[in-house]
Amino acid sequence: MAAISGVHTSEDVLKMLMVGADLTMLCRVLFRKGTYHLCEVEKGVVAWMEEHEYESVKQLRRSMSQLRCPDPSAFEHRSICGP
């Protein structure tokens, strides 16, 4: 699974990986901010993983997926217009 939209920061990358993405694409933000932004994102991901004691992206991936959530219904889409 690939996250191809709305990925701009290290936080976005982390969230997408944690819910199951195998990869994330940052094309739009790299066009806007330049390729150096990729280094900033990588530093942010590495720092967060170290702070939270994750040893690898493999360990991080799917750690917050619907299958591992105590309340899987929290992942269900709910319309703001009604049930």
C-alpha atoms as a PDB file:
ATOM      1  CA  MET A   1       0.000   0.000   0.000  1.00  0.00           C
ATOM      2  CA  ALA A   2       1.299   3.460  -0.848  1.00  0.00           C
ATOM      3  CA  ALA A   3       0.359   6.798   0.691  1.00  0.00           C
ATOM      4  CA  ILE A   4       0.457   9.136  -2.301  1.00  0.00           C
ATOM      5  CA  SER A   5      -1.368  12.256  -1.145  1.00  0.00           C
ATOM      6  CA  GLY A   6      -1.119  14.607   1.803  1.00  0.00           C
ATOM      7  CA  VAL A   7       2.359  13.503   2.863  1.00  0.00           C
ATOM      8  CA  HIS A   8       4.474  16.586   3.595  1.00  0.00           C
ATOM      9  CA  THR A   9       6.237  16.087   6.937  1.00  0.00           C
ATOM     10  CA  SER A  10       7.969  13.420   8.988  1.00  0.00           C
ATOM     11  CA  GLU A  11       4.810  13.233  11.113  1.00  0.00           C
ATOM     12  CA  ASP A  12       2.781  12.445   7.981  1.00  0.00           C
ATOM     13  CA  VAL A  13       5.256   9.725   6.979  1.00  0.00           C
ATOM     14  CA  LEU A  14       5.144   8.192  10.458  1.00  0.00           C
ATOM     15  CA  LYS A  15       1.352   8.184  10.581  1.00  0.00           C
ATOM     16  CA  MET A  16       1.065   6.540   7.177  1.00  0.00           C
ATOM     17  CA  LEU A  17       3.610   3.853   8.048  1.00  0.00           C
ATOM     18  CA  MET A  18       1.970   3.166  11.397  1.00  0.00           C
ATOM     19  CA  VAL A  19      -1.409   2.498   9.814  1.00  0.00           C
ATOM     20  CA  GLY A  20       0.051   0.197   7.189  1.00  0.00           C
ATOM     21  CA  ALA A  21       1.587   2.034   4.243  1.00  0.00           C
ATOM     22  CA  ASP A  22       4.557   0.256   2.706  1.00  0.00           C
ATOM     23  CA  LEU A  23       5.802   3.513   1.218  1.00  0.00           C
ATOM     24  CA  THR A  24       4.999   7.205   1.139  1.00  0.00           C
ATOM     25  CA  MET A  25       5.385   9.672  -1.694  1.00  0.00           C
ATOM     26  CA  LEU A  26       6.370  13.269  -1.136  1.00  0.00           C
ATOM     27  CA  CYS A  27       6.530  14.494  -4.733  1.00  0.00           C
ATOM     28  CA  ARG A  28       4.450  17.663  -4.406  1.00  0.00           C
ATOM     29  CA  VAL A  29       6.258  18.968  -1.325  1.00  0.00           C
ATOM     30  CA  LEU A  30       9.656  18.213  -2.895  1.00  0.00           C
ATOM     31  CA  PHE A  31       8.710  20.258  -5.961  1.00  0.00           C
ATOM     32  CA  ARG A  32       7.692  23.140  -3.678  1.00  0.00           C
ATOM     33  CA  LYS A  33      10.468  22.995  -1.078  1.00  0.00           C
ATOM     34  CA  GLY A  34      13.277  21.258  -2.944  1.00  0.00           C
ATOM     35  CA  THR A  35      14.920  17.909  -2.465  1.00  0.00           C
ATOM     36  CA  TYR A  36      16.723  19.054   0.699  1.00  0.00           C
ATOM     37  CA  HIS A  37      13.332  18.747   2.416  1.00  0.00           C
ATOM     38  CA  LEU A  38      13.701  14.975   2.144  1.00  0.00           C
ATOM     39  CA  CYS A  39      16.669  15.179   4.536  1.00  0.00           C
ATOM     40  CA  GLU A  40      14.541  17.092   7.049  1.00  0.00           C
ATOM     41  CA  VAL A  41      11.790  14.476   6.814  1.00  0.00           C
ATOM     42  CA  GLU A  42      14.270  11.637   7.258  1.00  0.00           C
ATOM     43  CA  LYS A  43      15.852  13.312  10.302  1.00  0.00           C
ATOM     44  CA  GLY A  44      12.402  13.769  11.844  1.00  0.00           C
ATOM     45  CA  VAL A  45      11.460  10.128  11.269  1.00  0.00           C
ATOM     46  CA  VAL A  46      14.755   8.855  12.698  1.00  0.00           C
ATOM     47  CA  ALA A  47      14.528  11.152  15.743  1.00  0.00           C
ATOM     48  CA  TRP A  48      10.950  10.086  16.505  1.00  0.00           C
ATOM     49  CA  MET A  49      11.782   6.412  16.105  1.00  0.00           C
ATOM     50  CA  GLU A  50      14.772   6.723  18.449  1.00  0.00           C
ATOM     51  CA  GLU A  51      12.719   8.632  21.016  1.00  0.00           C
ATOM     52  CA  HIS A  52      10.009   5.954  20.959  1.00  0.00           C
ATOM     53  CA  GLU A  53      12.485   3.055  20.854  1.00  0.00           C
ATOM     54  CA  TYR A  54      11.592   1.663  17.443  1.00  0.00           C
ATOM     55  CA  GLU A  55      14.515  -0.231  15.958  1.00  0.00           C
ATOM     56  CA  SER A  56      13.299  -0.384  12.368  1.00  0.00           C
ATOM     57  CA  VAL A  57      10.620   0.785   9.963  1.00  0.00           C
ATOM     58  CA  LYS A  58       9.477  -2.844   9.793  1.00  0.00           C
ATOM     59  CA  GLN A  59       8.744  -2.755  13.532  1.00  0.00           C
ATOM     60  CA  LEU A  60       6.918   0.585  13.150  1.00  0.00           C
ATOM     61  CA  ARG A  61       4.831  -0.406  10.127  1.00  0.00           C
ATOM     62  CA  ARG A  62       1.249  -1.386  10.947  1.00  0.00           C
ATOM     63  CA  SER A  63       1.802  -0.803  14.679  1.00  0.00           C
ATOM     64  CA  MET A  64      -1.412   1.265  14.772  1.00  0.00           C
ATOM     65  CA  SER A  65      -3.425  -0.639  12.189  1.00  0.00           C
ATOM     66  CA  GLN A  66      -7.093  -1.474  12.557  1.00  0.00           C
ATOM     67  CA  LEU A  67      -6.171  -5.086  13.312  1.00  0.00           C
ATOM     68  CA  ARG A  68      -4.094  -4.055  16.340  1.00  0.00           C
ATOM     69  CA  CYS A  69      -6.481  -1.424  17.664  1.00  0.00           C
ATOM     70  CA  PRO A  70      -8.542  -2.267  20.764  1.00  0.00           C
ATOM     71  CA  ASP A  71     -11.505  -0.476  19.114  1.00  0.00           C
ATOM     72  CA  PRO A  72     -11.419  -1.277  15.363  1.00  0.00           C
ATOM     73  CA  SER A  73     -14.612   0.748  14.817  1.00  0.00           C
ATOM     74  CA  ALA A  74     -12.540   3.874  15.487  1.00  0.00           C
ATOM     75  CA  PHE A  75     -11.162   3.428  11.962  1.00  0.00           C
ATOM     76  CA  GLU A  76     -14.599   3.477  10.318  1.00  0.00           C
ATOM     77  CA  HIS A  77     -15.556   6.488   8.244  1.00  0.00           C
ATOM     78  CA  ARG A  78     -18.458   8.416   9.696  1.00  0.00           C
ATOM     79  CA  SER A  79     -20.288  10.991   7.655  1.00  0.00           C
ATOM     80  CA  ILE A  80     -20.625  14.438   9.201  1.00  0.00           C
ATOM     81  CA  CYS A  81     -24.121  14.545   7.667  1.00  0.00           C
ATOM     82  CA  GLY A  82     -25.514  11.653   9.681  1.00  0.00           C
ATOM     83  CA  PRO A  83     -25.021   7.968  10.544  1.00  0.00           C
END
